[in-house]
Protein backbone atom coordinates (compact mmCIF):
# COMPACT_ATOMS: atom_id res chain seq x y z
CA UNK A 1 159.93 153.80 89.45
CA UNK A 2 157.97 156.91 89.64
CA UNK A 3 154.88 155.42 88.15
CA UNK A 4 155.14 152.74 90.89
CA UNK A 5 155.56 154.97 93.79
CA UNK A 6 152.29 156.99 92.71
CA UNK A 7 150.52 153.56 92.30
CA UNK A 8 151.46 152.72 95.96
CA UNK A 9 150.29 155.96 97.30
CA UNK A 10 147.02 155.86 95.14
CA UNK A 11 146.17 152.65 96.32
CA UNK A 12 146.74 153.41 100.08
CA UNK A 13 145.12 156.84 100.34
CA UNK A 14 142.22 156.58 97.50
CA UNK A 15 141.32 153.07 97.46
CA UNK A 16 142.33 151.74 101.50
CA UNK A 17 142.33 155.12 102.86
CA UNK A 18 144.84 154.70 104.98
CA UNK A 19 147.70 156.90 105.94
CA UNK A 20 150.34 154.70 108.12
CA UNK A 21 152.14 152.56 105.51
CA UNK A 22 154.68 150.08 106.11
CA UNK A 23 157.06 149.46 103.17
CA UNK A 24 158.80 146.37 102.86
CA UNK A 25 161.73 146.85 100.13
CA UNK A 26 164.90 146.11 98.61
CA UNK A 27 165.06 149.26 96.59
CA UNK A 28 168.08 152.01 96.33
CA UNK A 29 168.06 154.98 98.53
CA UNK A 30 167.58 157.58 95.88
CA UNK A 31 164.20 155.46 95.23
CA UNK A 32 163.33 155.42 98.84
CA UNK A 33 164.01 159.16 98.95
CA UNK A 34 161.48 159.88 96.26
CA UNK A 35 158.85 157.70 97.71
CA UNK A 36 159.38 159.24 101.07
CA UNK A 37 159.10 163.06 99.57
CA UNK A 38 156.02 162.01 98.03
CA UNK A 39 154.22 160.42 100.94
CA UNK A 40 155.10 163.42 103.32
CA UNK A 41 153.49 166.01 100.64
CA UNK A 42 150.79 163.74 101.00
CA UNK A 43 150.42 163.58 104.71
CA UNK A 44 151.21 159.75 104.97
CA UNK A 45 153.12 158.28 108.03
CA UNK A 46 155.61 155.87 106.15
CA UNK A 47 157.71 153.52 107.83
CA UNK A 48 160.77 151.69 106.00
CA UNK A 49 162.27 148.05 106.60
CA UNK A 50 164.92 146.42 103.72
CA UNK A 51 164.56 142.95 103.30
CA UNK A 52 168.06 141.89 103.13
CA UNK A 53 170.42 139.34 105.13
CA UNK A 54 170.29 141.39 108.22
CA UNK A 55 166.26 141.19 108.57
CA UNK A 56 165.45 139.87 111.67
CA UNK A 57 161.55 139.41 112.50
CA UNK A 58 160.62 139.34 116.16
CA UNK A 59 157.43 138.79 117.94
CA UNK A 60 156.04 142.47 117.71
CA UNK A 61 156.83 142.85 113.78
CA UNK A 62 154.09 144.61 112.48
CA UNK A 63 152.15 145.17 115.81
CA UNK A 64 150.35 148.17 115.77
CA UNK A 65 147.61 150.23 117.74
CA UNK A 66 145.86 152.11 115.06
CA UNK A 67 142.40 150.74 113.37
CA UNK A 68 144.19 149.39 110.30
CA UNK A 69 148.13 149.37 108.68
CA UNK A 70 148.65 149.44 105.12
CA UNK A 71 151.66 147.08 104.45
CA UNK A 72 153.59 147.04 101.16
CA UNK A 73 155.79 144.17 99.96
CA UNK A 74 158.00 143.72 97.09
CA UNK A 75 157.61 139.76 96.63
CA UNK A 76 160.60 140.05 94.13
CA UNK A 77 163.00 140.60 97.32
CA UNK A 78 164.90 137.82 98.58
CA UNK A 79 163.76 137.59 102.04
CA UNK A 80 159.93 137.95 101.03
CA UNK A 81 159.09 134.65 101.76
CA UNK A 82 160.35 134.88 105.23
CA UNK A 83 158.01 137.71 105.85
CA UNK A 84 155.06 135.97 103.99
CA UNK A 85 155.57 132.65 106.31
CA UNK A 86 155.67 134.91 109.48
CA UNK A 87 152.52 136.97 108.67
CA UNK A 88 150.94 133.40 107.85
CA UNK A 89 152.02 131.75 111.02
CA UNK A 90 150.99 134.92 113.56
CA UNK A 91 147.74 135.37 111.22
CA UNK A 92 148.33 139.04 110.04
CA UNK A 93 146.31 138.74 107.05
CA UNK A 94 143.23 140.03 108.97
CA UNK A 95 141.01 143.11 108.74
CA UNK A 96 143.42 145.17 110.74
CA UNK A 97 146.10 145.12 107.84
CA UNK A 98 145.63 146.12 103.86
CA UNK A 99 148.49 144.41 102.10
CA UNK A 100 149.67 145.25 98.90
CA UNK A 101 152.07 142.68 97.38
CA UNK A 102 153.79 143.91 94.35
CA UNK A 103 155.13 141.03 91.74
CA UNK A 104 156.84 142.44 88.41
CA UNK A 105 155.90 139.10 86.57
CA UNK A 106 152.43 137.82 85.89
CA UNK A 107 152.91 134.28 86.74
CA UNK A 108 150.00 132.87 88.53
CA UNK A 109 152.01 129.76 89.90
CA UNK A 110 154.03 131.83 91.86
CA UNK A 111 150.33 132.91 93.58
CA UNK A 112 149.43 129.80 94.28
CA UNK A 113 153.15 128.70 95.90
CA UNK A 114 152.72 131.38 98.33
CA UNK A 115 149.40 131.45 99.21
CA UNK A 116 147.70 128.53 99.01
CA UNK A 117 148.40 127.03 101.94
CA UNK A 118 148.44 130.40 103.83
CA UNK A 119 146.29 131.62 106.73
CA UNK A 120 144.14 133.57 104.62
CA UNK A 121 140.48 134.11 105.98
CA UNK A 122 137.17 135.94 104.63
CA UNK A 123 138.29 139.11 106.31
CA UNK A 124 141.36 139.24 104.51
CA UNK A 125 142.56 142.66 102.78
CA UNK A 126 145.10 141.50 100.15
CA UNK A 127 145.81 143.26 96.98
CA UNK A 128 148.23 141.23 94.64
CA UNK A 129 149.48 143.49 92.00
CA UNK A 130 151.39 142.63 88.77
CA UNK A 131 152.92 144.79 86.27
CA UNK A 132 151.68 144.30 82.44
CA UNK A 133 154.95 145.15 80.42
CA UNK A 134 152.86 145.80 77.12
CA UNK A 135 150.53 148.35 78.42
CA UNK A 136 152.52 149.40 81.53
CA UNK A 137 149.48 149.25 83.31
CA UNK A 138 148.95 147.53 86.91
CA UNK A 139 146.57 144.97 87.26
CA UNK A 140 145.09 144.08 90.63
CA UNK A 141 143.70 140.91 92.10
CA UNK A 142 141.86 140.43 95.13
CA UNK A 143 142.86 137.10 97.26
CA UNK A 144 141.14 135.57 100.21
CA UNK A 145 140.14 132.29 101.26
CA UNK A 146 136.90 131.56 103.42
CA UNK A 147 138.70 129.06 105.51
CA UNK A 148 140.89 126.23 104.96
CA UNK A 149 139.19 124.40 107.84
CA UNK A 150 135.80 124.70 106.46
CA UNK A 151 137.07 123.20 103.46
CA UNK A 152 137.40 126.35 101.18
CA UNK A 153 140.48 127.10 98.71
CA UNK A 154 142.23 130.22 97.93
CA UNK A 155 139.85 132.84 95.75
CA UNK A 156 141.71 135.13 93.29
CA UNK A 157 139.26 137.67 91.71
CA UNK A 158 140.66 139.95 89.27
CA UNK A 159 139.63 143.68 90.36
CA UNK A 160 140.68 146.51 88.07
CA UNK A 161 143.75 147.68 85.54
CA UNK A 162 145.19 151.27 86.80
CA UNK A 163 147.53 153.09 84.37
CA UNK A 164 150.09 155.71 86.22
CA UNK A 165 152.28 158.37 84.94
CA UNK A 166 154.66 160.63 86.79
CA UNK A 167 151.70 162.80 88.23
CA UNK A 168 148.79 160.58 88.74
CA UNK A 169 146.71 157.43 88.26
CA UNK A 170 143.57 156.25 87.31
CA UNK A 171 141.29 153.29 86.77
CA UNK A 172 141.88 151.96 83.42
CA UNK A 173 139.04 149.55 83.47
CA UNK A 174 137.62 147.62 86.07
CA UNK A 175 137.59 143.61 85.48
CA UNK A 176 134.89 142.50 88.01
CA UNK A 177 132.11 144.03 89.96
CA UNK A 178 134.13 143.81 93.31
CA UNK A 179 134.27 147.69 93.06
CA UNK A 180 130.15 147.72 93.42
CA UNK A 181 130.46 146.32 97.33
CA UNK A 182 132.70 146.21 100.12
CA UNK A 183 134.72 142.90 100.99
CA UNK A 184 132.02 141.29 103.31
CA UNK A 185 129.34 141.70 100.96
CA UNK A 186 131.23 140.11 98.09
CA UNK A 187 132.38 137.29 100.42
CA UNK A 188 129.18 136.81 102.57
CA UNK A 189 128.22 133.44 100.86
CA UNK A 190 129.46 129.92 102.46
CA UNK A 191 127.91 127.78 99.69
CA UNK A 192 129.19 124.29 99.89
CA UNK A 193 130.97 125.14 103.10
CA UNK A 194 130.66 123.45 106.73
CA UNK A 195 130.87 125.87 109.89
CA UNK A 196 132.02 124.48 112.77
CA UNK A 197 129.40 125.33 115.39
CA UNK A 198 129.79 124.28 119.36
CA UNK A 199 126.25 123.97 121.20
CA UNK A 200 125.28 122.80 124.80
CA UNK A 201 122.56 120.67 125.78
CA UNK A 202 122.40 119.74 129.71
CA UNK A 203 118.68 117.90 129.63
CA UNK A 204 120.31 115.11 128.12
CA UNK A 205 123.29 113.05 128.39
CA UNK A 206 125.88 113.52 125.61
CA UNK A 207 126.31 109.85 124.93
CA UNK A 208 122.29 109.89 123.49
CA UNK A 209 122.08 109.22 120.28
CA UNK A 210 122.49 112.45 117.68
CA UNK A 211 118.80 112.08 116.19
CA UNK A 212 117.65 112.45 119.79
CA UNK A 213 119.53 115.21 120.72
CA UNK A 214 118.57 117.13 117.43
CA UNK A 215 115.03 116.12 118.14
CA UNK A 216 115.30 117.75 121.56
CA UNK A 217 117.03 121.14 120.16
CA UNK A 218 114.53 121.49 117.63
CA UNK A 219 111.52 120.89 119.56
CA UNK A 220 109.51 124.11 120.88
CA UNK A 221 107.60 122.56 124.14
CA UNK A 222 109.01 122.16 127.72
CA UNK A 223 110.81 125.75 127.26
CA UNK A 224 112.26 125.65 131.08
CA UNK A 225 114.58 122.93 129.70
CA UNK A 226 117.97 124.12 128.19
CA UNK A 227 116.05 127.41 127.48
CA UNK A 228 119.13 129.37 126.62
CA UNK A 229 121.04 126.54 124.43
CA UNK A 230 117.49 125.68 122.58
CA UNK A 231 116.80 129.37 121.97
CA UNK A 232 120.52 129.81 120.34
CA UNK A 233 120.14 126.72 118.12
CA UNK A 234 116.89 127.85 116.60
CA UNK A 235 117.54 131.27 116.40
CA UNK A 236 120.93 130.55 114.29
CA UNK A 237 119.31 128.39 111.96
CA UNK A 238 118.29 131.83 109.92
CA UNK A 239 121.86 132.72 110.33
CA UNK A 240 122.87 129.44 108.46
CA UNK A 241 120.51 129.92 105.63
CA UNK A 242 121.75 133.54 105.29
CA UNK A 243 125.33 132.27 105.00
CA UNK A 244 124.39 129.72 102.83
CA UNK A 245 126.31 126.61 104.68
CA UNK A 246 126.03 123.96 106.73
CA UNK A 247 127.01 123.60 110.74
CA UNK A 248 129.04 121.03 112.00
CA UNK A 249 127.77 120.90 115.89
CA UNK A 250 129.81 120.13 118.55
CA UNK A 251 127.71 119.45 121.82
CA UNK A 252 128.83 120.12 125.35
CA UNK A 253 127.24 119.86 128.59
CA UNK A 254 128.49 123.29 129.99
CA UNK A 255 129.34 126.68 128.94
CA UNK A 256 132.59 126.77 130.57
CA UNK A 257 134.20 125.23 133.49
CA UNK A 258 135.41 128.38 135.16
CA UNK A 259 135.01 131.85 133.54
CA UNK A 260 137.43 131.12 130.47
CA UNK A 261 138.13 127.18 130.37
CA UNK A 262 136.33 124.33 129.32
CA UNK A 263 132.86 123.66 127.81
CA UNK A 264 132.00 125.81 124.76
CA UNK A 265 134.38 128.83 125.82
CA UNK A 266 137.51 126.18 125.19
CA UNK A 267 136.32 125.04 121.93
CA UNK A 268 136.19 129.01 120.73
CA UNK A 269 139.65 129.87 122.27
CA UNK A 270 141.43 126.77 121.17
CA UNK A 271 140.07 127.41 117.56
CA UNK A 272 138.41 123.85 117.51
CA UNK A 273 134.71 126.02 116.65
CA UNK A 274 133.88 129.23 114.76
CA UNK A 275 130.66 129.99 116.06
CA UNK A 276 129.26 129.18 119.81
CA UNK A 277 125.23 128.46 119.33
CA UNK A 278 124.32 129.47 123.10
CA UNK A 279 124.87 132.84 124.25
CA UNK A 280 127.05 134.18 126.89
CA UNK A 281 127.19 136.14 130.17
CA UNK A 282 129.94 138.31 128.92
CA UNK A 283 132.47 139.06 131.97
CA UNK A 284 136.01 140.72 132.31
CA UNK A 285 137.53 137.45 132.57
CA UNK A 286 136.25 136.40 129.22
CA UNK A 287 137.15 139.66 127.36
CA UNK A 288 140.56 138.61 127.41
CA UNK A 289 139.78 135.58 125.13
CA UNK A 290 136.15 136.32 123.65
CA UNK A 291 134.39 139.60 121.93
CA UNK A 292 130.67 140.09 122.30
CA UNK A 293 128.93 140.56 118.84
CA UNK A 294 125.27 141.60 119.62
CA UNK A 295 122.95 141.40 122.66
CA UNK A 296 121.15 138.18 122.26
CA UNK A 297 118.53 137.57 125.10
CA UNK A 298 117.63 138.96 128.41
CA UNK A 299 118.89 137.29 131.39
CA UNK A 300 118.22 137.71 135.10
CA UNK A 301 118.65 135.27 138.15
CA UNK A 302 116.52 136.22 141.35
CA UNK A 303 115.42 134.64 144.72
CA UNK A 304 112.22 134.43 144.48
CA UNK A 305 109.57 134.23 147.74
CA UNK A 306 106.37 135.14 149.10
CA UNK A 307 106.30 137.30 152.25
CA UNK A 308 106.13 135.39 155.49
CA UNK A 309 102.82 136.43 157.33
CA UNK A 310 104.84 137.13 160.58
CA UNK A 311 106.79 139.42 158.31
CA UNK A 312 103.98 140.92 156.41
CA UNK A 313 101.80 142.04 159.19
CA UNK A 314 102.25 140.54 162.64
CA UNK A 315 100.24 140.40 166.13
CA UNK A 316 100.37 144.23 166.31
CA UNK A 317 97.92 146.00 168.36
CA UNK A 318 98.66 149.16 166.32
CA UNK A 319 97.51 147.84 162.94
CA UNK A 320 94.33 149.68 163.37
CA UNK A 321 95.39 153.00 165.22
CA UNK A 322 97.68 153.56 162.24
CA UNK A 323 95.16 155.22 160.17
CA UNK A 324 95.57 158.61 162.68
CA UNK A 325 98.69 159.80 164.43
CA UNK A 326 98.52 159.92 167.96
CA UNK A 327 97.76 163.77 168.24
CA UNK A 328 94.29 163.09 166.31
CA UNK A 329 93.42 160.27 168.61
CA UNK A 330 94.21 162.53 171.74
CA UNK A 331 92.45 165.35 170.32
CA UNK A 332 89.40 163.48 169.29
CA UNK A 333 89.18 161.46 172.76
CA UNK A 334 89.54 165.01 174.73
CA UNK A 335 86.79 165.90 172.32
CA UNK A 336 84.54 163.33 173.40
CA UNK A 337 85.05 163.88 177.07
CA UNK A 338 84.35 167.84 176.62
CA UNK A 339 81.10 166.79 174.85
CA UNK A 340 80.14 164.20 177.68
CA UNK A 341 80.74 167.07 180.45
CA UNK A 342 78.73 169.53 178.20
CA UNK A 343 75.82 166.92 177.79
CA UNK A 344 75.98 166.25 181.61
CA UNK A 345 75.23 169.86 182.10
CA UNK A 346 72.64 170.20 179.75
CA UNK A 347 70.80 167.31 181.33
CA UNK A 348 71.14 169.10 184.76
CA UNK A 349 69.33 172.44 183.41
CA UNK A 350 66.99 170.61 181.69
CA UNK A 351 65.93 167.93 184.28
CA UNK A 352 66.01 169.67 187.50
CA UNK A 353 63.08 167.87 189.11
CA UNK A 354 63.33 164.53 186.87
CA UNK A 355 65.95 161.80 187.05
CA UNK A 356 69.09 162.68 184.97
CA UNK A 357 72.21 160.95 183.85
CA UNK A 358 75.15 160.90 185.83
CA UNK A 359 78.57 162.14 184.49
CA UNK A 360 79.54 158.82 183.36
CA UNK A 361 76.48 157.87 181.73
CA UNK A 362 77.10 161.52 179.48
CA UNK A 363 80.28 160.30 178.70
CA UNK A 364 79.16 156.92 177.54
CA UNK A 365 76.35 158.81 175.16
CA UNK A 366 79.26 160.58 173.79
CA UNK A 367 81.80 157.77 173.16
CA UNK A 368 78.37 156.06 171.35
CA UNK A 369 78.13 159.05 169.33
CA UNK A 370 81.57 158.88 168.24
CA UNK A 371 81.33 155.31 167.44
CA UNK A 372 78.52 155.86 165.40
CA UNK A 373 76.12 153.79 167.43
CA UNK A 374 73.62 156.86 167.96
CA UNK A 375 72.06 157.37 171.73
CA UNK A 376 69.25 156.22 173.63
CA UNK A 377 68.82 159.60 175.51
CA UNK A 378 69.18 163.03 173.71
CA UNK A 379 68.68 166.51 174.98
CA UNK A 380 65.19 167.99 174.98
CA UNK A 381 66.43 171.92 174.10
CA UNK A 382 67.10 173.10 170.64
CA UNK A 383 70.49 174.04 171.78
CA UNK A 384 71.31 170.81 173.29
CA UNK A 385 70.21 168.90 170.29
CA UNK A 386 72.36 171.06 168.13
CA UNK A 387 75.30 170.48 169.82
CA UNK A 388 74.58 166.79 169.85
CA UNK A 389 74.00 166.85 166.07
CA UNK A 390 77.49 168.60 165.55
CA UNK A 391 78.79 165.91 167.53
CA UNK A 392 77.35 163.33 165.47
CA UNK A 393 78.75 164.96 162.02
CA UNK A 394 82.37 165.37 163.46
CA UNK A 395 81.99 161.89 164.49
CA UNK A 396 80.68 160.81 160.85
CA UNK A 397 83.29 162.64 158.96
CA UNK A 398 86.19 161.11 161.42
CA UNK A 399 84.69 157.61 160.78
CA UNK A 400 84.41 157.69 156.93
CA UNK A 401 88.02 158.81 156.93
CA UNK A 402 88.90 156.16 159.04
CA UNK A 403 87.37 153.28 157.20
CA UNK A 404 88.50 154.53 153.69
CA UNK A 405 92.01 154.40 155.20
CA UNK A 406 91.62 150.70 156.40
CA UNK A 407 89.89 149.47 153.27
CA UNK A 408 92.28 151.33 150.67
CA UNK A 409 95.25 149.59 153.13
CA UNK A 410 93.40 146.34 152.67
CA UNK A 411 92.95 146.66 148.66
CA UNK A 412 96.38 148.36 148.16
CA UNK A 413 99.91 146.84 147.02
CA UNK A 414 100.74 143.65 149.28
CA UNK A 415 103.65 145.06 151.66
CA UNK A 416 106.99 143.81 150.59
CA UNK A 417 109.74 142.13 152.59
CA UNK A 418 112.06 143.98 154.71
CA UNK A 419 114.61 141.74 153.12
CA UNK A 420 116.00 143.54 149.92
CA UNK A 421 119.85 142.52 149.59
CA UNK A 422 121.22 139.29 149.02
CA UNK A 423 123.37 139.59 152.43
CA UNK A 424 120.13 140.20 154.49
CA UNK A 425 118.95 136.95 152.87
CA UNK A 426 121.96 135.30 153.84
CA UNK A 427 121.59 136.18 157.35
CA UNK A 428 117.81 135.85 157.74
CA UNK A 429 116.19 132.25 158.76
CA UNK A 430 114.38 131.96 155.55
CA UNK A 431 114.67 128.25 154.01
CA UNK A 432 116.31 128.18 150.42
CA UNK A 433 116.29 126.17 147.49
CA UNK A 434 117.97 126.25 144.26
CA UNK A 435 117.34 125.66 140.46
CA UNK A 436 119.70 122.82 139.34
CA UNK A 437 120.97 124.42 135.89
CA UNK A 438 124.54 124.41 135.07
CA UNK A 439 124.85 128.31 134.92
CA UNK A 440 123.24 129.10 138.34
CA UNK A 441 124.94 126.35 140.13
CA UNK A 442 128.47 127.14 139.00
CA UNK A 443 127.50 130.93 140.20
CA UNK A 444 126.76 130.04 143.40
CA UNK A 445 129.35 127.71 143.98
CA UNK A 446 132.43 129.49 142.51
CA UNK A 447 131.51 133.20 142.86
CA UNK A 448 134.03 135.28 144.68
CA UNK A 449 131.36 137.97 145.43
CA UNK A 450 131.31 138.29 149.25
CA UNK A 451 127.38 138.53 149.58
CA UNK A 452 127.20 135.09 147.12
CA UNK A 453 129.97 133.08 148.98
CA UNK A 454 127.69 133.91 152.47
CA UNK A 455 124.51 132.98 151.05
CA UNK A 456 126.63 129.54 149.69
CA UNK A 457 127.84 128.83 153.43
CA UNK A 458 124.85 130.05 155.42
CA UNK A 459 122.18 128.22 153.10
CA UNK A 460 123.76 125.73 151.25
CA UNK A 461 126.45 124.01 153.40
CA UNK A 462 124.83 125.17 156.76
CA UNK A 463 121.14 125.30 155.69
CA UNK A 464 118.24 123.68 157.06
CA UNK A 465 118.02 121.32 154.05
CA UNK A 466 120.71 118.80 153.53
CA UNK A 467 123.08 119.53 150.59
CA UNK A 468 121.50 117.12 148.33
CA UNK A 469 117.82 118.40 148.79
CA UNK A 470 119.00 121.81 148.20
CA UNK A 471 118.72 121.51 144.53
CA UNK A 472 115.14 121.31 143.64
CA UNK A 473 113.98 121.23 140.13
CA UNK A 474 112.05 124.37 138.62
CA UNK A 475 108.62 123.27 138.50
CA UNK A 476 108.70 121.47 142.27
CA UNK A 477 110.49 124.88 143.35
CA UNK A 478 107.86 127.26 142.39
CA UNK A 479 105.28 125.18 143.75
CA UNK A 480 107.04 125.28 147.31
CA UNK A 481 107.08 128.99 146.98
CA UNK A 482 103.44 129.34 146.07
CA UNK A 483 102.53 126.85 149.09
CA UNK A 484 105.33 127.93 151.55
CA UNK A 485 105.10 131.48 152.61
CA UNK A 486 108.99 132.33 153.51
CA UNK A 487 110.52 129.76 151.33
CA UNK A 488 113.07 131.22 148.97
CA UNK A 489 113.67 129.92 145.76
CA UNK A 490 116.93 131.06 143.58
CA UNK A 491 116.35 130.44 139.52
CA UNK A 492 116.12 132.16 136.10
CA UNK A 493 113.71 133.94 135.10
CA UNK A 494 113.54 132.57 131.63
CA UNK A 495 112.80 129.32 133.24
CA UNK A 496 110.63 129.97 136.26
CA UNK A 497 107.96 132.49 135.07
CA UNK A 498 106.44 129.76 132.64
CA UNK A 499 105.26 127.92 135.98
CA UNK A 500 104.79 131.03 138.22
CA UNK A 501 101.99 132.06 135.49
CA UNK A 502 100.67 128.60 135.38
CA UNK A 503 100.53 127.76 139.06
CA UNK A 504 100.08 131.38 140.99
CA UNK A 505 96.85 133.10 140.95
CA UNK A 506 96.73 136.57 139.87
CA UNK A 507 97.00 138.18 143.36
CA UNK A 508 99.56 135.57 144.78
CA UNK A 509 102.03 137.28 141.98
CA UNK A 510 101.69 140.37 143.46
CA UNK A 511 102.87 139.06 146.25
CA UNK A 512 106.30 137.87 145.48
CA UNK A 513 109.69 139.39 146.41
CA UNK A 514 112.67 139.38 144.02
CA UNK A 515 116.12 140.02 144.81
CA UNK A 516 118.30 139.74 141.91
CA UNK A 517 121.16 137.36 142.48
CA UNK A 518 123.79 138.84 140.06
CA UNK A 519 124.24 142.09 138.11
CA UNK A 520 124.00 140.55 134.66
CA UNK A 521 121.05 141.31 132.65
CA UNK A 522 122.01 140.44 129.36
CA UNK A 523 123.38 137.65 127.07
CA UNK A 524 125.51 138.02 124.39
CA UNK A 525 126.45 136.23 121.43
CA UNK A 526 130.03 135.94 121.02
CA UNK A 527 133.33 134.69 118.86
CA UNK A 528 137.02 134.04 119.76
CA UNK A 529 138.93 137.04 119.92
CA UNK A 530 140.48 138.05 116.28
CA UNK A 531 137.87 135.85 114.67
CA UNK A 532 137.80 136.39 111.22
CA UNK A 533 134.08 136.15 110.89
CA UNK A 534 133.27 138.44 113.84
CA UNK A 535 132.14 141.17 111.63
CA UNK A 536 130.39 138.74 109.20
CA UNK A 537 128.65 137.23 111.99
CA UNK A 538 127.55 140.73 113.47
CA UNK A 539 126.41 142.27 110.22
CA UNK A 540 123.88 138.99 109.65
CA UNK A 541 122.91 139.09 113.14
CA UNK A 542 121.79 142.86 112.96
CA UNK A 543 119.98 142.17 110.06
CA UNK A 544 118.04 139.36 111.70
CA UNK A 545 117.76 141.86 114.53
CA UNK A 546 116.17 144.83 112.44
CA UNK A 547 113.67 142.46 110.46
CA UNK A 548 112.40 140.98 113.67
CA UNK A 549 113.11 137.49 113.03
CA UNK A 550 115.58 137.15 116.20
CA UNK A 551 112.88 138.93 118.06
CA UNK A 552 110.27 136.53 117.47
CA UNK A 553 112.31 133.70 118.66
CA UNK A 554 113.46 135.58 122.00
CA UNK A 555 109.78 136.35 122.50
CA UNK A 556 108.68 132.80 122.65
CA UNK A 557 111.29 131.53 124.56
CA UNK A 558 111.83 134.37 127.13
CA UNK A 559 109.03 135.02 129.73
CA UNK A 560 110.54 138.03 131.45
CA UNK A 561 107.77 139.97 132.90
CA UNK A 562 104.95 138.85 135.16
CA UNK A 563 101.44 140.91 135.57
CA UNK A 564 100.04 142.15 138.47
CA UNK A 565 96.46 142.35 138.98
CA UNK A 566 95.92 143.17 142.63
CA UNK A 567 91.91 143.94 142.46
CA UNK A 568 90.55 140.38 140.80
CA UNK A 569 89.89 138.88 143.77
CA UNK A 570 87.75 139.39 147.27
CA UNK A 571 90.19 140.43 149.84
CA UNK A 572 90.25 138.05 152.91
CA UNK A 573 91.32 139.46 156.18
CA UNK A 574 93.39 137.01 157.77
CA UNK A 575 93.91 136.21 161.71
CA UNK A 576 97.26 137.99 161.52
CA UNK A 577 94.79 141.48 161.01
CA UNK A 578 91.87 140.67 163.09
CA UNK A 579 93.77 139.15 166.21
CA UNK A 580 94.34 142.63 167.47
CA UNK A 581 90.81 143.54 167.58
CA UNK A 582 89.94 140.00 169.68
CA UNK A 583 92.73 140.93 171.58
CA UNK A 584 91.30 144.14 172.47
CA UNK A 585 87.90 142.72 173.10
CA UNK A 586 89.32 140.07 175.38
CA UNK A 587 90.88 142.57 177.45
CA UNK A 588 87.60 144.67 177.84
CA UNK A 589 85.52 142.11 178.61
CA UNK A 590 88.37 140.86 181.43
CA UNK A 591 88.32 144.62 182.94
CA UNK A 592 84.43 144.31 182.82
CA UNK A 593 84.21 141.40 184.75
CA UNK A 594 87.11 142.92 187.15
CA UNK A 595 85.21 146.16 187.37
CA UNK A 596 81.82 144.27 188.03
CA UNK A 597 83.52 142.20 190.99
CA UNK A 598 84.71 145.41 192.72
CA UNK A 599 80.93 146.74 192.70
CA UNK A 600 79.81 143.56 193.87
CA UNK A 601 82.19 143.75 196.64
CA UNK A 602 81.33 147.31 197.44
CA UNK A 603 77.62 146.86 197.51
CA UNK A 604 77.94 143.94 199.87
CA UNK A 605 80.17 146.04 202.22
CA UNK A 606 77.62 148.87 201.85
CA UNK A 607 74.99 146.41 203.01
CA UNK A 608 76.60 145.19 205.91
CA UNK A 609 77.11 148.49 207.29
């Protein structure tokens, strides 16, 4: 027994690198005392469970919260069959357990009996040990099954022969090349097996012929149809080649009915499929049943619209007064009045015996100089002309500064809408259309977010459009955004940006406003919780990401960025900008006509008297 005790600790400490061990035995107390003392000296935490008639296995048997637990089982004990059946039923032959099963005989038929129908998988870490009575050495065998549901059978591979004495153990010889690589590298090939894969297709009815569905999934045109489903299908083909297996596809018309029921999610949870072809948006509810592997693609849904003219500018008379503050305008007006008064004084001193302009005419000359219109009447003296030149120079500088600000505003970045949140959009008067993709429609109709519920009530149930006309195809929705300023289209970036690039002029792209519909920004490849293939899939997907294979597919299918070229067209000043000037001109004409009328009345009154 001393050699066996040394071998048990050698296997768990040096080979499996574990410090927590559960011993299932039918040994004497003296033997257990020696093993416990030896384990304690090597800082190994051990727990012992006798396999006798009083054995009671509950649902929490072998449950743990550590990274990996070592389990030793003496298969020669009477109750060992009960433990093996329970471990198979509860799927305890997983990567979270290192099983060391000891058998004193070298009868391989017994291995077949116990493990041929057991729930072994590709991530099983099970070492079967026999004792050779001739050499007194321990012979180790690696047992695994890549999946009975895939058509695989029990695999038994001789690993190594270990010699142990009362003090230490050492490897006598290697019986295979298992020691040169880890378990997953040894088991990564699924040659001749068929992996069950669940996929989604929404652009075609599920009763279509399988040839038509495969032709659609393999096509590279019309990227806006089933973007994520077809991206997942085509990006998974290199994974199939790396595994060297076949895929048996199960096509569904949706990702899920809710957060974690029906569709592809239902196939994963119910163990109908081993792999999901299309990526998922990971959420807390789904995290109970699924585990993410790697980030798959960018995912953004947004509310897209162009500024209504009444929102972006409006008929505001202050539009052309904005370059200067009120204090600057007041100072400039007082300066013109002072210059007009000084010109009037200058004309009085220069033209004592001749006709001279009035104070109002002098102020009008000053105002004309301030507007860079020149003057038809100027002072004769050198001092007067120098003062008039200073007025013209000041007006010239003010004019250039003013015009540069106005032009830069017209050529600058278009003003964005004041509607920045989903709740503001829901409370606005803007008309809304929604892309009829499965994930967008499901989220809008079933989301519990307050702003999404408000948007659904105000714009879908109580909107201007009838509920059957609210769901607009992607191409038509993007055209409505282009043609109707203020029309809001709720869509996905991956499906809509293709049409935005196709139908929008570059400067129209700069005018787009985007409000995020949800916080999700990436999709993930997922498998069911406790899936035996999780680590294998993850390593292969990381390999595809490192080599750029996945990035090539994502770049082809995902249009996630729009380029804004705002200086590539002639800026046309619209009526909403020019209207204040026309209104000002009309007001001035009305005022002048009124003043003219008063002058005529005053002239007639003076003539009569």
